[in-house]
Amino acid sequence: MEDLHQLEDVKKVVDAFYDRIRTDELLGKIFNEVIQDQWPTHLEKMYRFWQTVLFDEHTYSGSPFAVHAKLPVAFEHFERWIQLFNETIDAHFSGEKADQMKNQGKRMAAIFHSKIEFFKNLTSISES
């Protein structure tokens, strides 16, 4: 199995991953309710994000955490996201870039989960 080498490879992973997300019992409802009919826009943003991360081609700009901050998610959602993400990458690619993509996904999930929990706790403290 080959490694990721270009934007088309990123698109293959992103498309396959979000196909799985959209129908997943745990994650599908959350993603579909938030993204609604904006899937093409979301996918394009993800292509640019991963192109920037993996190939150092600066096509993405933005603050990815802001849109995730108020999602109704907990640890098990992040765990499932990582599982689906890694399985999708492993089904299509193998190598340094594939490993980099999985490691970056895991780091992002951990950071997002930590920040979301922090803001949930901050909100509950301020409401007390």
Protein backbone atom coordinates (compact mmCIF):
# COMPACT_ATOMS: atom_id res chain seq x y z
CA MET A 1 0.00 0.00 0.00
CA GLU A 2 1.30 3.46 -0.87
CA ASP A 3 1.63 6.58 1.23
CA LEU A 4 -0.20 9.87 0.67
CA HIS A 5 1.63 12.03 -1.89
CA GLN A 6 -0.77 14.69 -3.15
CA LEU A 7 -4.05 16.51 -2.66
CA GLU A 8 -5.99 13.75 -4.45
CA ASP A 9 -4.83 11.32 -1.75
CA VAL A 10 -6.04 13.69 0.96
CA LYS A 11 -9.41 13.97 -0.78
CA LYS A 12 -9.70 10.18 -0.90
CA VAL A 13 -9.16 9.90 2.87
CA VAL A 14 -11.35 12.87 3.78
CA ASP A 15 -14.23 11.74 1.55
CA ALA A 16 -14.12 8.14 2.81
CA PHE A 17 -13.84 9.29 6.43
CA TYR A 18 -16.79 11.67 6.28
CA ASP A 19 -18.88 9.09 4.41
CA ARG A 20 -18.40 6.92 7.49
CA ILE A 21 -19.03 9.80 9.92
CA ARG A 22 -22.32 10.75 8.27
CA THR A 23 -23.78 7.28 8.84
CA ASP A 24 -22.15 6.50 12.19
CA GLU A 25 -24.59 5.82 15.04
CA LEU A 26 -22.69 7.94 17.55
CA LEU A 27 -21.33 10.77 15.40
CA GLY A 28 -23.64 10.99 12.40
CA LYS A 29 -26.43 12.94 14.05
CA ILE A 30 -24.08 15.54 15.53
CA PHE A 31 -22.22 16.17 12.28
CA ASN A 32 -25.34 16.15 10.11
CA GLU A 33 -27.19 18.58 12.40
CA VAL A 34 -24.31 21.03 12.50
CA ILE A 35 -23.17 20.82 8.87
CA GLN A 36 -26.64 20.29 7.35
CA ASP A 37 -26.45 21.00 3.61
CA GLN A 38 -22.95 22.50 3.80
CA TRP A 39 -21.05 19.24 3.31
CA PRO A 40 -19.25 20.36 0.12
CA THR A 41 -17.98 23.48 1.91
CA HIS A 42 -16.91 21.45 4.95
CA LEU A 43 -15.11 18.86 2.83
CA GLU A 44 -13.26 21.53 0.87
CA LYS A 45 -12.12 23.09 4.14
CA MET A 46 -10.87 19.69 5.35
CA TYR A 47 -8.98 19.11 2.09
CA ARG A 48 -7.19 22.43 2.53
CA PHE A 49 -6.50 21.78 6.22
CA TRP A 50 -4.87 18.40 5.62
CA GLN A 51 -3.03 19.64 2.53
CA THR A 52 -1.48 22.33 4.73
CA VAL A 53 -0.62 19.90 7.54
CA LEU A 54 0.79 17.06 5.43
CA PHE A 55 2.42 18.81 2.50
CA ASP A 56 3.27 22.22 3.97
CA GLU A 57 1.23 23.85 1.19
CA HIS A 58 -0.45 26.74 2.96
CA THR A 59 -3.96 26.54 1.52
CA TYR A 60 -5.84 26.60 4.84
CA SER A 61 -6.37 29.48 7.20
CA GLY A 62 -8.76 29.65 10.07
CA SER A 63 -9.36 28.75 13.67
CA PRO A 64 -10.62 25.17 13.74
CA PHE A 65 -11.46 25.10 17.44
CA ALA A 66 -13.98 27.94 17.43
CA VAL A 67 -16.60 26.02 15.43
CA HIS A 68 -16.21 22.96 17.67
CA ALA A 69 -16.32 24.76 21.03
CA LYS A 70 -20.04 24.35 21.76
CA LEU A 71 -20.65 20.92 20.25
CA PRO A 72 -22.49 18.42 22.46
CA VAL A 73 -19.58 15.97 22.58
CA ALA A 74 -17.81 13.94 25.25
CA PHE A 75 -14.81 11.61 25.45
CA GLU A 76 -16.58 8.73 23.68
CA HIS A 77 -17.25 10.94 20.65
CA PHE A 78 -13.57 11.76 20.30
CA GLU A 79 -12.65 8.12 20.82
CA ARG A 80 -15.00 7.08 18.02
CA TRP A 81 -13.74 9.90 15.76
CA ILE A 82 -10.14 8.70 16.19
CA GLN A 83 -11.14 5.08 15.58
CA LEU A 84 -12.94 5.90 12.32
CA PHE A 85 -10.19 8.29 11.22
CA ASN A 86 -7.39 5.76 11.75
CA GLU A 87 -9.35 2.90 10.17
CA THR A 88 -10.07 5.03 7.12
CA ILE A 89 -6.44 6.04 6.66
CA ASP A 90 -5.25 2.45 7.19
CA ALA A 91 -7.72 1.17 4.59
CA HIS A 92 -6.22 3.39 1.89
CA PHE A 93 -2.64 4.34 2.74
CA SER A 94 0.47 3.32 4.64
CA GLY A 95 3.67 5.22 5.31
CA GLU A 96 5.15 8.34 6.85
CA LYS A 97 2.40 10.76 5.75
CA ALA A 98 -0.34 8.30 6.74
CA ASP A 99 1.24 8.02 10.20
CA GLN A 100 1.61 11.80 10.39
CA MET A 101 -2.07 12.22 9.54
CA LYS A 102 -3.13 9.72 12.23
CA ASN A 103 -0.84 11.30 14.84
CA GLN A 104 -2.04 14.81 14.04
CA GLY A 105 -5.68 13.65 14.19
CA LYS A 106 -5.09 12.10 17.60
CA ARG A 107 -3.38 15.26 18.90
CA MET A 108 -6.17 17.48 17.59
CA ALA A 109 -8.85 15.28 19.14
CA ALA A 110 -7.06 15.40 22.51
CA ILE A 111 -6.67 19.18 22.36
CA PHE A 112 -10.27 19.77 21.25
CA HIS A 113 -11.61 17.45 23.95
CA SER A 114 -9.54 19.17 26.62
CA LYS A 115 -10.61 22.66 25.52
CA ILE A 116 -14.28 21.72 25.23
CA GLU A 117 -14.25 20.22 28.73
CA PHE A 118 -12.49 23.32 30.06
CA PHE A 119 -15.14 25.63 28.60
CA LYS A 120 -17.97 23.38 29.84
CA ASN A 121 -16.52 23.51 33.36
CA LEU A 122 -15.93 27.25 33.13
CA THR A 123 -19.54 27.79 32.07
CA SER A 124 -20.91 25.59 34.86
CA ILE A 125 -18.77 27.44 37.44
CA SER A 126 -19.92 30.86 36.23
CA GLU A 127 -23.56 29.70 36.33
CA SER A 128 -23.21 28.60 39.97
